[in-house]
PDB file of N, CA and C in Angstrom:
ATOM      1  N   MET A   1      -8.148  -4.421   7.437  1.00  0.00           N
ATOM      2  CA  MET A   1      -7.703  -3.374   6.562  1.00  0.00           C
ATOM      3  C   MET A   1      -8.095  -2.015   7.148  1.00  0.00           C
ATOM      4  N   LEU A   2      -9.257  -1.935   7.763  1.00  0.00           N
ATOM      5  CA  LEU A   2      -9.688  -0.658   8.317  1.00  0.00           C
ATOM      6  C   LEU A   2      -8.872  -0.263   9.536  1.00  0.00           C
ATOM      7  N   ALA A   3      -8.484  -1.229  10.358  1.00  0.00           N
ATOM      8  CA  ALA A   3      -7.779  -0.917  11.603  1.00  0.00           C
ATOM      9  C   ALA A   3      -6.292  -0.662  11.387  1.00  0.00           C
ATOM     10  N   GLU A   4      -5.630  -1.529  10.655  1.00  0.00           N
ATOM     11  CA  GLU A   4      -4.176  -1.426  10.517  1.00  0.00           C
ATOM     12  C   GLU A   4      -3.719  -0.952   9.135  1.00  0.00           C
ATOM     13  N   GLY A   5      -4.612  -0.881   8.173  1.00  0.00           N
ATOM     14  CA  GLY A   5      -4.248  -0.471   6.817  1.00  0.00           C
ATOM     15  C   GLY A   5      -3.610   0.904   6.721  1.00  0.00           C
ATOM     16  N   PRO A   6      -4.179   1.917   7.389  1.00  0.00           N
ATOM     17  CA  PRO A   6      -3.561   3.251   7.314  1.00  0.00           C
ATOM     18  C   PRO A   6      -2.184   3.316   7.982  1.00  0.00           C
ATOM     19  N   LYS A   7      -1.910   2.417   8.895  1.00  0.00           N
ATOM     20  CA  LYS A   7      -0.641   2.437   9.621  1.00  0.00           C
ATOM     21  C   LYS A   7       0.471   1.712   8.881  1.00  0.00           C
ATOM     22  N   SER A   8       0.134   0.671   8.132  1.00  0.00           N
ATOM     23  CA  SER A   8       1.156  -0.164   7.502  1.00  0.00           C
ATOM     24  C   SER A   8       0.792  -0.439   6.044  1.00  0.00           C
ATOM     25  N   ALA A   9       1.702  -0.102   5.149  1.00  0.00           N
ATOM     26  CA  ALA A   9       1.479  -0.349   3.728  1.00  0.00           C
ATOM     27  C   ALA A   9       1.468  -1.847   3.421  1.00  0.00           C
ATOM     28  N   THR A  10       2.247  -2.615   4.154  1.00  0.00           N
ATOM     29  CA  THR A  10       2.296  -4.064   3.946  1.00  0.00           C
ATOM     30  C   THR A  10       0.971  -4.712   4.321  1.00  0.00           C
ATOM     31  N   VAL A  11       0.426  -4.329   5.456  1.00  0.00           N
ATOM     32  CA  VAL A  11      -0.864  -4.870   5.888  1.00  0.00           C
ATOM     33  C   VAL A  11      -1.947  -4.498   4.884  1.00  0.00           C
ATOM     34  N   ARG A  12      -1.925  -3.269   4.418  1.00  0.00           N
ATOM     35  CA  ARG A  12      -2.919  -2.839   3.437  1.00  0.00           C
ATOM     36  C   ARG A  12      -2.799  -3.625   2.138  1.00  0.00           C
ATOM     37  N   ALA A  13      -1.591  -3.860   1.667  1.00  0.00           N
ATOM     38  CA  ALA A  13      -1.398  -4.614   0.428  1.00  0.00           C
ATOM     39  C   ALA A  13      -1.936  -6.034   0.554  1.00  0.00           C
ATOM     40  N   HIS A  14      -1.642  -6.697   1.664  1.00  0.00           N
ATOM     41  CA  HIS A  14      -2.147  -8.055   1.890  1.00  0.00           C
ATOM     42  C   HIS A  14      -3.666  -8.057   2.017  1.00  0.00           C
ATOM     43  N   ALA A  15      -4.220  -7.076   2.716  1.00  0.00           N
ATOM     44  CA  ALA A  15      -5.664  -7.007   2.912  1.00  0.00           C
ATOM     45  C   ALA A  15      -6.408  -6.750   1.608  1.00  0.00           C
ATOM     46  N   VAL A  16      -5.873  -5.876   0.772  1.00  0.00           N
ATOM     47  CA  VAL A  16      -6.511  -5.580  -0.514  1.00  0.00           C
ATOM     48  C   VAL A  16      -6.477  -6.809  -1.417  1.00  0.00           C
ATOM     49  N   GLU A  17      -5.350  -7.499  -1.467  1.00  0.00           N
ATOM     50  CA  GLU A  17      -5.256  -8.729  -2.266  1.00  0.00           C
ATOM     51  C   GLU A  17      -6.271  -9.761  -1.797  1.00  0.00           C
ATOM     52  N   ALA A  18      -6.343  -9.964  -0.484  1.00  0.00           N
ATOM     53  CA  ALA A  18      -7.267 -10.954   0.065  1.00  0.00           C
ATOM     54  C   ALA A  18      -8.721 -10.556  -0.195  1.00  0.00           C
ATOM     55  N   LEU A  19      -9.042  -9.285  -0.041  1.00  0.00           N
ATOM     56  CA  LEU A  19     -10.411  -8.822  -0.268  1.00  0.00           C
ATOM     57  C   LEU A  19     -10.812  -8.997  -1.726  1.00  0.00           C
ATOM     58  N   ASN A  20      -9.940  -8.637  -2.646  1.00  0.00           N
ATOM     59  CA  ASN A  20     -10.234  -8.821  -4.070  1.00  0.00           C
ATOM     60  C   ASN A  20     -10.458 -10.293  -4.395  1.00  0.00           C
ATOM     61  N   PHE A  21      -9.629 -11.158  -3.853  1.00  0.00           N
ATOM     62  CA  PHE A  21      -9.754 -12.590  -4.108  1.00  0.00           C
ATOM     63  C   PHE A  21     -11.062 -13.128  -3.541  1.00  0.00           C
ATOM     64  N   GLN A  22     -11.408 -12.745  -2.324  1.00  0.00           N
ATOM     65  CA  GLN A  22     -12.620 -13.251  -1.695  1.00  0.00           C
ATOM     66  C   GLN A  22     -13.884 -12.745  -2.398  1.00  0.00           C
ATOM     67  N   ILE A  23     -13.870 -11.503  -2.849  1.00  0.00           N
ATOM     68  CA  ILE A  23     -15.019 -10.986  -3.595  1.00  0.00           C
ATOM     69  C   ILE A  23     -15.176 -11.733  -4.909  1.00  0.00           C
ATOM     70  N   THR A  24     -14.073 -11.926  -5.626  1.00  0.00           N
ATOM     71  CA  THR A  24     -14.103 -12.653  -6.893  1.00  0.00           C
ATOM     72  C   THR A  24     -14.653 -14.054  -6.714  1.00  0.00           C
ATOM     73  N   TRP A  25     -14.133 -14.775  -5.728  1.00  0.00           N
ATOM     74  CA  TRP A  25     -14.561 -16.160  -5.535  1.00  0.00           C
ATOM     75  C   TRP A  25     -15.942 -16.270  -4.919  1.00  0.00           C
ATOM     76  N   ALA A  26     -16.391 -15.272  -4.197  1.00  0.00           N
ATOM     77  CA  ALA A  26     -17.762 -15.294  -3.687  1.00  0.00           C
ATOM     78  C   ALA A  26     -18.745 -15.233  -4.854  1.00  0.00           C
ATOM     79  N   VAL A  27     -18.444 -14.381  -5.826  1.00  0.00           N
ATOM     80  CA  VAL A  27     -19.293 -14.289  -7.012  1.00  0.00           C
ATOM     81  C   VAL A  27     -19.249 -15.596  -7.798  1.00  0.00           C
ATOM     82  N   ILE A  28     -18.053 -16.149  -7.983  1.00  0.00           N
ATOM     83  CA  ILE A  28     -17.906 -17.416  -8.703  1.00  0.00           C
ATOM     84  C   ILE A  28     -18.678 -18.527  -8.005  1.00  0.00           C
ATOM     85  N   CYS A  29     -18.592 -18.591  -6.688  1.00  0.00           N
ATOM     86  CA  CYS A  29     -19.276 -19.647  -5.938  1.00  0.00           C
ATOM     87  C   CYS A  29     -20.790 -19.477  -5.980  1.00  0.00           C
ATOM     88  N   LEU A  30     -21.252 -18.251  -5.929  1.00  0.00           N
ATOM     89  CA  LEU A  30     -22.702 -18.038  -6.010  1.00  0.00           C
ATOM     90  C   LEU A  30     -23.246 -18.445  -7.371  1.00  0.00           C
ATOM     91  N   ILE A  31     -22.559 -18.058  -8.426  1.00  0.00           N
ATOM     92  CA  ILE A  31     -23.011 -18.413  -9.770  1.00  0.00           C
ATOM     93  C   ILE A  31     -22.805 -19.900 -10.028  1.00  0.00           C
ATOM     94  N   GLY A  32     -21.611 -20.389  -9.727  1.00  0.00           N
ATOM     95  CA  GLY A  32     -21.314 -21.801  -9.969  1.00  0.00           C
ATOM     96  C   GLY A  32     -22.092 -22.734  -9.062  1.00  0.00           C
ATOM     97  N   GLY A  33     -22.380 -22.293  -7.855  1.00  0.00           N
ATOM     98  CA  GLY A  33     -23.130 -23.130  -6.923  1.00  0.00           C
ATOM     99  C   GLY A  33     -24.564 -23.330  -7.352  1.00  0.00           C
ATOM    100  N   THR A  34     -25.131 -22.338  -8.022  1.00  0.00           N
ATOM    101  CA  THR A  34     -26.497 -22.502  -8.506  1.00  0.00           C
ATOM    102  C   THR A  34     -26.550 -23.372  -9.753  1.00  0.00           C
ATOM    103  N   ILE A  35     -25.468 -23.364 -10.528  1.00  0.00           N
ATOM    104  CA  ILE A  35     -25.428 -24.174 -11.743  1.00  0.00           C
ATOM    105  C   ILE A  35     -25.089 -25.625 -11.420  1.00  0.00           C
ATOM    106  N   THR A  36     -24.055 -25.836 -10.605  1.00  0.00           N
ATOM    107  CA  THR A  36     -23.629 -27.188 -10.250  1.00  0.00           C
ATOM    108  C   THR A  36     -24.012 -27.463  -8.803  1.00  0.00           C
ATOM    109  N   CYS A  37     -24.864 -28.382  -8.612  1.00  0.00           N
ATOM    110  CA  CYS A  37     -25.283 -28.737  -7.250  1.00  0.00           C
ATOM    111  C   CYS A  37     -24.393 -29.851  -6.716  1.00  0.00           C
ATOM    112  N   GLY A  38     -24.310 -29.983  -5.419  1.00  0.00           N
ATOM    113  CA  GLY A  38     -23.597 -31.095  -4.807  1.00  0.00           C
ATOM    114  C   GLY A  38     -22.096 -30.967  -4.869  1.00  0.00           C
ATOM    115  N   PHE A  39     -21.433 -31.914  -5.559  1.00  0.00           N
ATOM    116  CA  PHE A  39     -19.978 -32.013  -5.573  1.00  0.00           C
ATOM    117  C   PHE A  39     -19.321 -30.772  -6.149  1.00  0.00           C
ATOM    118  N   GLY A  40     -19.868 -30.216  -7.205  1.00  0.00           N
ATOM    119  CA  GLY A  40     -19.292 -29.016  -7.816  1.00  0.00           C
ATOM    120  C   GLY A  40     -19.295 -27.844  -6.863  1.00  0.00           C
ATOM    121  N   PHE A  41     -20.339 -27.739  -6.059  1.00  0.00           N
ATOM    122  CA  PHE A  41     -20.441 -26.662  -5.083  1.00  0.00           C
ATOM    123  C   PHE A  41     -19.359 -26.798  -4.016  1.00  0.00           C
ATOM    124  N   ILE A  42     -19.086 -28.010  -3.575  1.00  0.00           N
ATOM    125  CA  ILE A  42     -18.044 -28.253  -2.568  1.00  0.00           C
ATOM    126  C   ILE A  42     -16.672 -27.902  -3.130  1.00  0.00           C
ATOM    127  N   VAL A  43     -16.405 -28.286  -4.362  1.00  0.00           N
ATOM    128  CA  VAL A  43     -15.119 -27.981  -5.000  1.00  0.00           C
ATOM    129  C   VAL A  43     -14.935 -26.472  -5.114  1.00  0.00           C
ATOM    130  N   LEU A  44     -16.005 -25.759  -5.437  1.00  0.00           N
ATOM    131  CA  LEU A  44     -15.917 -24.304  -5.571  1.00  0.00           C
ATOM    132  C   LEU A  44     -15.571 -23.633  -4.250  1.00  0.00           C
ATOM    133  N   TRP A  45     -15.871 -24.245  -3.116  1.00  0.00           N
ATOM    134  CA  TRP A  45     -15.523 -23.661  -1.820  1.00  0.00           C
ATOM    135  C   TRP A  45     -14.158 -24.116  -1.322  1.00  0.00           C
ATOM    136  N   ILE A  46     -13.679 -25.259  -1.798  1.00  0.00           N
ATOM    137  CA  ILE A  46     -12.370 -25.770  -1.361  1.00  0.00           C
ATOM    138  C   ILE A  46     -11.237 -24.997  -2.027  1.00  0.00           C
ATOM    139  N   VAL A  47     -11.388 -24.642  -3.295  1.00  0.00           N
ATOM    140  CA  VAL A  47     -10.325 -23.951  -4.032  1.00  0.00           C
ATOM    141  C   VAL A  47      -9.926 -22.631  -3.358  1.00  0.00           C
ATOM    142  N   PRO A  48     -10.862 -21.733  -3.047  1.00  0.00           N
ATOM    143  CA  PRO A  48     -10.439 -20.488  -2.383  1.00  0.00           C
ATOM    144  C   PRO A  48      -9.895 -20.718  -0.982  1.00  0.00           C
ATOM    145  N   LEU A  49     -10.372 -21.751  -0.311  1.00  0.00           N
ATOM    146  CA  LEU A  49      -9.852 -22.063   1.021  1.00  0.00           C
ATOM    147  C   LEU A  49      -8.375 -22.435   0.945  1.00  0.00           C
ATOM    148  N   ILE A  50      -8.008 -23.237  -0.026  1.00  0.00           N
ATOM    149  CA  ILE A  50      -6.606 -23.648  -0.195  1.00  0.00           C
ATOM    150  C   ILE A  50      -5.729 -22.431  -0.508  1.00  0.00           C
ATOM    151  N   PHE A  51      -6.183 -21.576  -1.443  1.00  0.00           N
ATOM    152  CA  PHE A  51      -5.397 -20.393  -1.777  1.00  0.00           C
ATOM    153  C   PHE A  51      -5.301 -19.426  -0.607  1.00  0.00           C
ATOM    154  N   ALA A  52      -6.345 -19.319   0.199  1.00  0.00           N
ATOM    155  CA  ALA A  52      -6.297 -18.450   1.378  1.00  0.00           C
ATOM    156  C   ALA A  52      -5.296 -18.967   2.404  1.00  0.00           C
ATOM    157  N   LEU A  53      -5.214 -20.281   2.570  1.00  0.00           N
ATOM    158  CA  LEU A  53      -4.230 -20.855   3.493  1.00  0.00           C
ATOM    159  C   LEU A  53      -2.805 -20.610   3.003  1.00  0.00           C
ATOM    160  N   ILE A  54      -2.586 -20.763   1.707  1.00  0.00           N
ATOM    161  CA  ILE A  54      -1.260 -20.494   1.136  1.00  0.00           C
ATOM    162  C   ILE A  54      -0.893 -19.025   1.332  1.00  0.00           C
ATOM    163  N   ALA A  55      -1.850 -18.121   1.048  1.00  0.00           N
ATOM    164  CA  ALA A  55      -1.588 -16.689   1.194  1.00  0.00           C
ATOM    165  C   ALA A  55      -1.323 -16.325   2.645  1.00  0.00           C
ATOM    166  N   GLY A  56      -2.046 -16.924   3.576  1.00  0.00           N
ATOM    167  CA  GLY A  56      -1.821 -16.666   4.997  1.00  0.00           C
ATOM    168  C   GLY A  56      -0.445 -17.092   5.438  1.00  0.00           C
ATOM    169  N   SER A  57       0.006 -18.218   4.930  1.00  0.00           N
ATOM    170  CA  SER A  57       1.346 -18.706   5.241  1.00  0.00           C
ATOM    171  C   SER A  57       2.412 -17.755   4.700  1.00  0.00           C
ATOM    172  N   LYS A  58       2.216 -17.300   3.472  1.00  0.00           N
ATOM    173  CA  LYS A  58       3.175 -16.361   2.873  1.00  0.00           C
ATOM    174  C   LYS A  58       3.179 -15.027   3.618  1.00  0.00           C
ATOM    175  N   ALA A  59       1.994 -14.529   3.974  1.00  0.00           N
ATOM    176  CA  ALA A  59       1.912 -13.255   4.697  1.00  0.00           C
ATOM    177  C   ALA A  59       2.551 -13.370   6.074  1.00  0.00           C
ATOM    178  N   ASN A  60       2.400 -14.516   6.708  1.00  0.00           N
ATOM    179  CA  ASN A  60       2.996 -14.729   8.026  1.00  0.00           C
ATOM    180  C   ASN A  60       4.519 -14.711   7.968  1.00  0.00           C
ATOM    181  N   SER A  61       5.066 -15.170   6.851  1.00  0.00           N
ATOM    182  CA  SER A  61       6.525 -15.165   6.701  1.00  0.00           C
ATOM    183  C   SER A  61       7.038 -13.857   6.101  1.00  0.00           C
ATOM    184  N   GLY A  62       6.139 -12.911   5.809  1.00  0.00           N
ATOM    185  CA  GLY A  62       6.556 -11.595   5.325  1.00  0.00           C
ATOM    186  C   GLY A  62       6.697 -11.482   3.822  1.00  0.00           C
ATOM    187  N   GLU A  63       6.238 -12.477   3.089  1.00  0.00           N
ATOM    188  CA  GLU A  63       6.347 -12.456   1.630  1.00  0.00           C
ATOM    189  C   GLU A  63       5.070 -11.894   1.009  1.00  0.00           C
ATOM    190  N   ALA A  64       5.223 -11.229  -0.123  1.00  0.00           N
ATOM    191  CA  ALA A  64       4.062 -10.752  -0.875  1.00  0.00           C
ATOM    192  C   ALA A  64       3.483 -11.923  -1.658  1.00  0.00           C
ATOM    193  N   TYR A  65       2.169 -11.952  -1.787  1.00  0.00           N
ATOM    194  CA  TYR A  65       1.511 -13.037  -2.504  1.00  0.00           C
ATOM    195  C   TYR A  65       0.387 -12.472  -3.338  1.00  0.00           C
ATOM    196  N   GLN A  66       0.348 -12.850  -4.615  1.00  0.00           N
ATOM    197  CA  GLN A  66      -0.760 -12.470  -5.486  1.00  0.00           C
ATOM    198  C   GLN A  66      -1.591 -13.706  -5.758  1.00  0.00           C
ATOM    199  N   TYR A  67      -2.865 -13.595  -5.473  1.00  0.00           N
ATOM    200  CA  TYR A  67      -3.778 -14.714  -5.686  1.00  0.00           C
ATOM    201  C   TYR A  67      -3.981 -14.946  -7.174  1.00  0.00           C
ATOM    202  N   PRO A  68      -4.053 -16.211  -7.585  1.00  0.00           N
ATOM    203  CA  PRO A  68      -4.420 -16.485  -8.975  1.00  0.00           C
ATOM    204  C   PRO A  68      -5.935 -16.324  -9.139  1.00  0.00           C
ATOM    205  N   ALA A  69      -6.376 -16.049 -10.319  1.00  0.00           N
ATOM    206  CA  ALA A  69      -7.805 -15.930 -10.641  1.00  0.00           C
ATOM    207  C   ALA A  69      -8.506 -14.922  -9.752  1.00  0.00           C
ATOM    208  N   SER A  70      -7.935 -13.731  -9.667  1.00  0.00           N
ATOM    209  CA  SER A  70      -8.516 -12.679  -8.846  1.00  0.00           C
ATOM    210  C   SER A  70      -8.686 -11.426  -9.686  1.00  0.00           C
ATOM    211  N   ILE A  71      -9.861 -10.834  -9.625  1.00  0.00           N
ATOM    212  CA  ILE A  71     -10.120  -9.592 -10.336  1.00  0.00           C
ATOM    213  C   ILE A  71      -9.829  -8.441  -9.384  1.00  0.00           C
ATOM    214  N   ARG A  72      -9.034  -7.496  -9.817  1.00  0.00           N
ATOM    215  CA  ARG A  72      -8.633  -6.373  -8.972  1.00  0.00           C
ATOM    216  C   ARG A  72      -9.715  -5.313  -8.964  1.00  0.00           C
ATOM    217  N   LEU A  73     -10.646  -5.420  -8.030  1.00  0.00           N
ATOM    218  CA  LEU A  73     -11.737  -4.459  -7.911  1.00  0.00           C
ATOM    219  C   LEU A  73     -11.361  -3.284  -7.023  1.00  0.00           C
ATOM    220  N   ILE A  74     -10.601  -3.549  -5.975  1.00  0.00           N
ATOM    221  CA  ILE A  74     -10.195  -2.532  -5.004  1.00  0.00           C
ATOM    222  C   ILE A  74      -8.698  -2.321  -5.153  1.00  0.00           C
ATOM    223  N   LYS A  75      -8.283  -1.062  -5.167  1.00  0.00           N
ATOM    224  CA  LYS A  75      -6.852  -0.775  -5.354  1.00  0.00           C
ATOM    225  C   LYS A  75      -6.273  -0.067  -4.179  1.00  0.00           C
TER     226      LYS A  75
END
């Protein structure tokens, strides 16, 4: 986002969406990981990985993608 964001509005939009999603899920994983040990912790890390792969595929094909369960902290 820092390198190509000012040059391309599309890159910035994808980067902001991804950053908001990763921040949201990092907080969820930290809180949920301390509450649920073992299997629950693994599930909490697999869910954002799957959504990140889907978003990467959409971004590669030029489509806009909004992550589910993401709090918009950065605009």
